[in-house]
Amino acid sequence: MEWKYIKELKDYKSITNIEKKYNINIPNYLKDLIIQYNGGRPVNNIFDTNNNKEKVFKCLLSYNSDDRENIYIYNDLFETNHIPFANTPSGDVICLNIKNQKIELYLHETDKFELVSDNIEKFIEGSYSHCC
């Protein structure tokens, strides 16, 4: 997948620090995405959920605390057994469910989660772009 507007990860320990703080293990695939594409925007940025079509994947959340759209803004989602890792232009948050490894969209206006994909690899590989 092609990415743009990547922000260099300033401290690789920030990933480990999040894992320790919330007593979680971030899957290697997600760690690799963060390391390579921190804060980046995917070119194929459209995805579907079980209930909605053509949602927009805005960007990966940055692990740099001084970047505008960063992981630290979403601390409350860790409390719901989710790892927030990306957002949408409308303010919803794409998360990894820690318990079942499924990708879910947190709908901030209703405070509910909507199923997106069975796992993160399928989610990333299944994102697409508008043709015209």
N, C-alpha and C. Protein backbone atom coordinates (compact mmCIF):
# COMPACT_ATOMS: atom_id res chain seq x y z
N MET A 1 0.84 -1.18 0.00
CA MET A 1 0.00 0.00 0.00
C MET A 1 0.89 1.24 0.00
N GLU A 2 0.45 2.25 -0.70
CA GLU A 2 1.19 3.50 -0.78
C GLU A 2 0.67 4.48 0.28
N TRP A 3 1.60 5.21 0.91
CA TRP A 3 1.26 6.17 1.96
C TRP A 3 1.88 7.52 1.64
N LYS A 4 1.27 8.58 2.16
CA LYS A 4 1.86 9.91 2.01
C LYS A 4 1.77 10.65 3.35
N TYR A 5 2.51 11.74 3.46
CA TYR A 5 2.54 12.58 4.66
C TYR A 5 2.97 11.84 5.92
N ILE A 6 3.92 10.94 5.76
CA ILE A 6 4.44 10.15 6.89
C ILE A 6 5.25 11.06 7.79
N LYS A 7 5.08 10.88 9.11
CA LYS A 7 5.85 11.65 10.09
C LYS A 7 6.85 10.69 10.75
N GLU A 8 8.11 11.03 10.69
CA GLU A 8 9.12 10.15 11.27
C GLU A 8 8.83 9.92 12.75
N LEU A 9 8.89 8.65 13.15
CA LEU A 9 8.70 8.29 14.55
C LEU A 9 9.92 8.77 15.33
N LYS A 10 9.72 9.65 16.29
CA LYS A 10 10.83 10.26 17.02
C LYS A 10 11.43 9.35 18.07
N ASP A 11 10.61 8.48 18.66
CA ASP A 11 11.09 7.61 19.73
C ASP A 11 10.41 6.25 19.62
N TYR A 12 11.18 5.24 19.25
CA TYR A 12 10.62 3.89 19.09
C TYR A 12 10.11 3.33 20.41
N LYS A 13 10.58 3.85 21.52
CA LYS A 13 10.12 3.38 22.83
C LYS A 13 8.68 3.81 23.11
N SER A 14 8.17 4.74 22.34
CA SER A 14 6.80 5.20 22.59
C SER A 14 5.79 4.07 22.40
N ILE A 15 6.09 3.15 21.49
CA ILE A 15 5.19 1.99 21.29
C ILE A 15 5.23 1.09 22.51
N THR A 16 6.42 0.80 22.99
CA THR A 16 6.58 -0.02 24.19
C THR A 16 5.96 0.66 25.41
N ASN A 17 6.10 1.96 25.48
CA ASN A 17 5.54 2.70 26.61
C ASN A 17 4.01 2.58 26.65
N ILE A 18 3.37 2.64 25.50
CA ILE A 18 1.91 2.45 25.44
C ILE A 18 1.55 1.04 25.89
N GLU A 19 2.31 0.05 25.42
CA GLU A 19 2.03 -1.34 25.81
C GLU A 19 2.13 -1.50 27.33
N LYS A 20 3.15 -0.93 27.92
CA LYS A 20 3.34 -1.03 29.37
C LYS A 20 2.24 -0.28 30.12
N LYS A 21 1.94 0.93 29.66
CA LYS A 21 0.95 1.76 30.35
C LYS A 21 -0.41 1.07 30.43
N TYR A 22 -0.82 0.40 29.33
CA TYR A 22 -2.15 -0.20 29.28
C TYR A 22 -2.11 -1.72 29.41
N ASN A 23 -0.93 -2.27 29.67
CA ASN A 23 -0.76 -3.72 29.84
C ASN A 23 -1.36 -4.49 28.66
N ILE A 24 -0.91 -4.10 27.45
CA ILE A 24 -1.39 -4.71 26.21
C ILE A 24 -0.20 -5.11 25.35
N ASN A 25 -0.47 -5.93 24.36
CA ASN A 25 0.52 -6.27 23.34
C ASN A 25 -0.02 -5.79 22.00
N ILE A 26 0.67 -4.86 21.41
CA ILE A 26 0.29 -4.39 20.08
C ILE A 26 0.82 -5.41 19.08
N PRO A 27 -0.02 -5.94 18.22
CA PRO A 27 0.43 -6.95 17.24
C PRO A 27 1.56 -6.41 16.37
N ASN A 28 2.47 -7.31 16.00
CA ASN A 28 3.64 -6.93 15.20
C ASN A 28 3.25 -6.22 13.91
N TYR A 29 2.19 -6.66 13.26
CA TYR A 29 1.77 -6.04 12.00
C TYR A 29 1.46 -4.55 12.24
N LEU A 30 0.75 -4.25 13.32
CA LEU A 30 0.41 -2.87 13.63
C LEU A 30 1.67 -2.09 14.02
N LYS A 31 2.55 -2.71 14.80
CA LYS A 31 3.81 -2.04 15.15
C LYS A 31 4.60 -1.68 13.90
N ASP A 32 4.67 -2.60 12.96
CA ASP A 32 5.39 -2.33 11.71
C ASP A 32 4.76 -1.17 10.94
N LEU A 33 3.42 -1.12 10.90
CA LEU A 33 2.74 0.00 10.25
C LEU A 33 3.11 1.32 10.92
N ILE A 34 3.10 1.33 12.23
CA ILE A 34 3.42 2.55 12.97
C ILE A 34 4.85 2.99 12.69
N ILE A 35 5.77 2.05 12.74
CA ILE A 35 7.19 2.38 12.53
C ILE A 35 7.41 2.91 11.11
N GLN A 36 6.80 2.28 10.13
CA GLN A 36 7.01 2.68 8.73
C GLN A 36 6.19 3.90 8.31
N TYR A 37 4.96 4.00 8.80
CA TYR A 37 4.03 5.00 8.27
C TYR A 37 3.42 5.91 9.34
N ASN A 38 4.09 6.11 10.43
CA ASN A 38 3.60 6.91 11.55
C ASN A 38 2.91 8.20 11.08
N GLY A 39 1.65 8.36 11.45
CA GLY A 39 0.91 9.57 11.11
C GLY A 39 0.57 9.72 9.63
N GLY A 40 0.92 8.71 8.83
CA GLY A 40 0.73 8.80 7.39
C GLY A 40 -0.71 8.60 6.95
N ARG A 41 -0.94 8.96 5.70
CA ARG A 41 -2.26 8.83 5.09
C ARG A 41 -2.16 7.84 3.94
N PRO A 42 -3.00 6.79 3.96
CA PRO A 42 -2.95 5.82 2.87
C PRO A 42 -3.58 6.38 1.60
N VAL A 43 -3.00 6.03 0.46
CA VAL A 43 -3.57 6.44 -0.82
C VAL A 43 -4.91 5.73 -1.03
N ASN A 44 -4.94 4.43 -0.76
CA ASN A 44 -6.20 3.67 -0.78
C ASN A 44 -6.85 3.89 0.58
N ASN A 45 -7.72 4.87 0.65
CA ASN A 45 -8.22 5.30 1.96
C ASN A 45 -9.71 5.10 2.18
N ILE A 46 -10.34 4.28 1.39
CA ILE A 46 -11.77 4.02 1.53
C ILE A 46 -11.96 2.61 2.08
N PHE A 47 -12.88 2.46 3.02
CA PHE A 47 -13.19 1.15 3.57
C PHE A 47 -14.68 1.05 3.87
N ASP A 48 -15.14 -0.17 4.00
CA ASP A 48 -16.54 -0.43 4.31
C ASP A 48 -16.63 -1.07 5.69
N THR A 49 -17.74 -0.84 6.36
CA THR A 49 -18.03 -1.52 7.61
C THR A 49 -19.20 -2.47 7.34
N ASN A 50 -19.62 -3.19 8.34
CA ASN A 50 -20.78 -4.07 8.17
C ASN A 50 -22.05 -3.28 7.87
N ASN A 51 -22.09 -2.03 8.33
CA ASN A 51 -23.31 -1.24 8.19
C ASN A 51 -23.20 -0.07 7.21
N ASN A 52 -22.00 0.33 6.86
CA ASN A 52 -21.82 1.52 6.02
C ASN A 52 -20.77 1.29 4.94
N LYS A 53 -20.95 1.96 3.83
CA LYS A 53 -20.02 1.89 2.71
C LYS A 53 -19.25 3.21 2.59
N GLU A 54 -18.06 3.09 2.06
CA GLU A 54 -17.22 4.22 1.69
C GLU A 54 -16.90 5.17 2.83
N LYS A 55 -16.44 4.62 3.93
CA LYS A 55 -15.88 5.43 5.02
C LYS A 55 -14.46 5.82 4.62
N VAL A 56 -13.96 6.90 5.17
CA VAL A 56 -12.62 7.39 4.80
C VAL A 56 -11.63 7.18 5.94
N PHE A 57 -10.54 6.52 5.61
CA PHE A 57 -9.39 6.31 6.50
C PHE A 57 -8.54 7.55 6.34
N LYS A 58 -8.59 8.45 7.32
CA LYS A 58 -7.85 9.71 7.22
C LYS A 58 -6.36 9.50 7.41
N CYS A 59 -5.95 8.99 8.60
CA CYS A 59 -4.53 8.79 8.84
C CYS A 59 -4.28 7.85 10.01
N LEU A 60 -3.10 7.26 10.01
CA LEU A 60 -2.64 6.51 11.17
C LEU A 60 -2.39 7.51 12.28
N LEU A 61 -2.72 7.16 13.48
CA LEU A 61 -2.43 8.03 14.60
C LEU A 61 -0.93 8.03 14.86
N SER A 62 -0.39 9.18 15.12
CA SER A 62 1.04 9.32 15.35
C SER A 62 1.40 8.92 16.78
N TYR A 63 2.57 8.37 16.95
CA TYR A 63 3.10 8.06 18.28
C TYR A 63 4.06 9.17 18.73
N ASN A 64 4.08 10.28 18.03
CA ASN A 64 4.80 11.48 18.46
C ASN A 64 3.81 12.37 19.19
N SER A 65 4.07 12.65 20.45
CA SER A 65 3.09 13.39 21.26
C SER A 65 2.86 14.81 20.76
N ASP A 66 3.80 15.38 20.02
CA ASP A 66 3.63 16.75 19.55
C ASP A 66 2.94 16.84 18.18
N ASP A 67 2.61 15.71 17.57
CA ASP A 67 1.85 15.73 16.32
C ASP A 67 0.38 15.94 16.65
N ARG A 68 -0.32 16.60 15.76
CA ARG A 68 -1.71 16.98 16.01
C ARG A 68 -2.63 15.77 16.24
N GLU A 69 -2.57 14.78 15.37
CA GLU A 69 -3.44 13.60 15.48
C GLU A 69 -2.60 12.44 16.03
N ASN A 70 -2.59 12.35 17.35
CA ASN A 70 -1.73 11.35 17.98
C ASN A 70 -2.51 10.37 18.84
N ILE A 71 -1.86 9.29 19.18
CA ILE A 71 -2.45 8.19 19.95
C ILE A 71 -2.89 8.63 21.35
N TYR A 72 -2.22 9.63 21.89
CA TYR A 72 -2.45 10.05 23.27
C TYR A 72 -3.78 10.78 23.47
N ILE A 73 -4.38 11.23 22.40
CA ILE A 73 -5.68 11.89 22.46
C ILE A 73 -6.78 10.89 22.82
N TYR A 74 -6.55 9.62 22.50
CA TYR A 74 -7.59 8.60 22.61
C TYR A 74 -7.36 7.63 23.76
N ASN A 75 -6.80 8.10 24.86
CA ASN A 75 -6.53 7.24 26.01
C ASN A 75 -7.76 6.48 26.50
N ASP A 76 -8.93 7.10 26.44
CA ASP A 76 -10.14 6.47 26.95
C ASP A 76 -10.53 5.21 26.17
N LEU A 77 -10.12 5.11 24.92
CA LEU A 77 -10.47 3.91 24.14
C LEU A 77 -9.69 2.68 24.61
N PHE A 78 -8.51 2.87 25.16
CA PHE A 78 -7.76 1.74 25.71
C PHE A 78 -8.54 1.10 26.86
N GLU A 79 -9.29 1.91 27.58
CA GLU A 79 -10.09 1.42 28.71
C GLU A 79 -11.24 0.51 28.25
N THR A 80 -11.60 0.58 26.97
CA THR A 80 -12.67 -0.25 26.42
C THR A 80 -12.11 -1.50 25.72
N ASN A 81 -10.85 -1.82 26.00
CA ASN A 81 -10.17 -2.97 25.38
C ASN A 81 -9.99 -2.81 23.88
N HIS A 82 -9.69 -1.59 23.47
CA HIS A 82 -9.42 -1.30 22.06
C HIS A 82 -8.11 -0.54 21.94
N ILE A 83 -7.41 -0.79 20.84
CA ILE A 83 -6.21 -0.03 20.52
C ILE A 83 -6.58 0.90 19.36
N PRO A 84 -6.71 2.19 19.63
CA PRO A 84 -6.99 3.12 18.54
C PRO A 84 -5.74 3.23 17.65
N PHE A 85 -5.93 3.22 16.33
CA PHE A 85 -4.75 3.34 15.48
C PHE A 85 -4.93 4.25 14.29
N ALA A 86 -6.14 4.66 14.00
CA ALA A 86 -6.38 5.55 12.86
C ALA A 86 -7.67 6.32 13.10
N ASN A 87 -7.88 7.36 12.30
CA ASN A 87 -9.11 8.12 12.45
C ASN A 87 -9.75 8.40 11.10
N THR A 88 -10.93 8.98 11.16
CA THR A 88 -11.66 9.38 9.96
C THR A 88 -11.83 10.90 10.00
N PRO A 89 -12.13 11.52 8.87
CA PRO A 89 -12.34 12.97 8.87
C PRO A 89 -13.51 13.41 9.76
N SER A 90 -14.46 12.52 10.00
CA SER A 90 -15.63 12.88 10.82
C SER A 90 -15.40 12.71 12.32
N GLY A 91 -14.20 12.27 12.70
CA GLY A 91 -13.90 12.14 14.12
C GLY A 91 -14.08 10.75 14.69
N ASP A 92 -14.48 9.79 13.88
CA ASP A 92 -14.56 8.41 14.35
C ASP A 92 -13.16 7.81 14.39
N VAL A 93 -12.99 6.73 15.13
CA VAL A 93 -11.66 6.17 15.35
C VAL A 93 -11.65 4.68 14.97
N ILE A 94 -10.67 4.30 14.18
CA ILE A 94 -10.51 2.90 13.78
C ILE A 94 -9.65 2.23 14.85
N CYS A 95 -10.16 1.12 15.38
CA CYS A 95 -9.53 0.47 16.52
C CYS A 95 -9.34 -1.03 16.29
N LEU A 96 -8.39 -1.58 17.01
CA LEU A 96 -8.20 -3.02 17.08
C LEU A 96 -8.79 -3.49 18.41
N ASN A 97 -9.74 -4.41 18.34
CA ASN A 97 -10.33 -4.97 19.56
C ASN A 97 -9.29 -5.93 20.15
N ILE A 98 -8.85 -5.64 21.35
CA ILE A 98 -7.79 -6.43 21.98
C ILE A 98 -8.22 -7.88 22.22
N LYS A 99 -9.48 -8.09 22.55
CA LYS A 99 -9.95 -9.43 22.90
C LYS A 99 -10.05 -10.36 21.70
N ASN A 100 -10.55 -9.86 20.56
CA ASN A 100 -10.77 -10.77 19.42
C ASN A 100 -9.98 -10.41 18.16
N GLN A 101 -9.17 -9.35 18.24
CA GLN A 101 -8.29 -8.91 17.15
C GLN A 101 -9.04 -8.39 15.92
N LYS A 102 -10.34 -8.14 16.06
CA LYS A 102 -11.12 -7.59 14.94
C LYS A 102 -10.94 -6.08 14.88
N ILE A 103 -11.14 -5.55 13.69
CA ILE A 103 -11.06 -4.11 13.50
C ILE A 103 -12.47 -3.54 13.62
N GLU A 104 -12.61 -2.51 14.45
CA GLU A 104 -13.90 -1.90 14.71
C GLU A 104 -13.78 -0.39 14.59
N LEU A 105 -14.84 0.22 14.13
CA LEU A 105 -14.90 1.67 14.02
C LEU A 105 -15.66 2.21 15.23
N TYR A 106 -14.98 3.05 16.00
CA TYR A 106 -15.63 3.70 17.14
C TYR A 106 -16.38 4.92 16.62
N LEU A 107 -17.69 4.90 16.78
CA LEU A 107 -18.55 5.99 16.34
C LEU A 107 -18.71 6.97 17.51
N HIS A 108 -18.00 8.07 17.44
CA HIS A 108 -17.92 8.97 18.59
C HIS A 108 -19.25 9.63 18.94
N GLU A 109 -20.15 9.80 17.99
CA GLU A 109 -21.42 10.45 18.30
C GLU A 109 -22.38 9.54 19.05
N THR A 110 -22.26 8.22 18.85
CA THR A 110 -23.16 7.28 19.53
C THR A 110 -22.45 6.47 20.60
N ASP A 111 -21.13 6.60 20.68
CA ASP A 111 -20.31 5.86 21.65
C ASP A 111 -20.46 4.34 21.46
N LYS A 112 -20.54 3.91 20.20
CA LYS A 112 -20.68 2.49 19.87
C LYS A 112 -19.58 2.08 18.90
N PHE A 113 -19.38 0.77 18.79
CA PHE A 113 -18.40 0.20 17.88
C PHE A 113 -19.11 -0.55 16.76
N GLU A 114 -18.56 -0.44 15.56
CA GLU A 114 -19.13 -1.10 14.39
C GLU A 114 -18.04 -1.97 13.76
N LEU A 115 -18.35 -3.22 13.45
CA LEU A 115 -17.38 -4.14 12.87
C LEU A 115 -16.93 -3.69 11.49
N VAL A 116 -15.62 -3.73 11.26
CA VAL A 116 -15.05 -3.37 9.98
C VAL A 116 -14.43 -4.58 9.29
N SER A 117 -13.60 -5.33 10.03
CA SER A 117 -12.86 -6.44 9.41
C SER A 117 -12.49 -7.47 10.47
N ASP A 118 -12.21 -8.69 10.00
CA ASP A 118 -11.82 -9.77 10.92
C ASP A 118 -10.43 -9.60 11.50
N ASN A 119 -9.55 -8.88 10.80
CA ASN A 119 -8.21 -8.63 11.32
C ASN A 119 -7.57 -7.44 10.61
N ILE A 120 -6.47 -6.99 11.15
CA ILE A 120 -5.86 -5.76 10.63
C ILE A 120 -5.28 -5.95 9.23
N GLU A 121 -4.72 -7.12 8.95
CA GLU A 121 -4.16 -7.34 7.62
C GLU A 121 -5.23 -7.24 6.54
N LYS A 122 -6.38 -7.89 6.78
CA LYS A 122 -7.49 -7.82 5.83
C LYS A 122 -7.99 -6.39 5.68
N PHE A 123 -8.02 -5.66 6.78
CA PHE A 123 -8.47 -4.28 6.73
C PHE A 123 -7.55 -3.43 5.84
N ILE A 124 -6.27 -3.50 6.09
CA ILE A 124 -5.32 -2.68 5.32
C ILE A 124 -5.32 -3.10 3.86
N GLU A 125 -5.29 -4.39 3.60
CA GLU A 125 -5.27 -4.88 2.22
C GLU A 125 -6.61 -4.62 1.51
N GLY A 126 -7.69 -4.51 2.27
CA GLY A 126 -9.01 -4.34 1.67
C GLY A 126 -9.41 -2.89 1.44
N SER A 127 -8.60 -1.95 1.91
CA SER A 127 -8.89 -0.53 1.67
C SER A 127 -8.73 -0.24 0.19
N TYR A 128 -9.54 0.67 -0.32
CA TYR A 128 -9.52 0.94 -1.75
C TYR A 128 -9.64 2.44 -1.98
N SER A 129 -9.57 2.87 -3.24
CA SER A 129 -9.73 4.28 -3.56
C SER A 129 -10.85 4.45 -4.58
N HIS A 130 -11.37 5.65 -4.64
CA HIS A 130 -12.38 5.96 -5.65
C HIS A 130 -11.73 5.94 -7.02
N CYS A 131 -12.40 5.43 -7.98
CA CYS A 131 -11.80 5.33 -9.32
C CYS A 131 -11.89 6.62 -10.10
N CYS A 132 -12.89 7.47 -9.83
CA CYS A 132 -13.08 8.64 -10.71
C CYS A 132 -13.27 9.92 -9.95
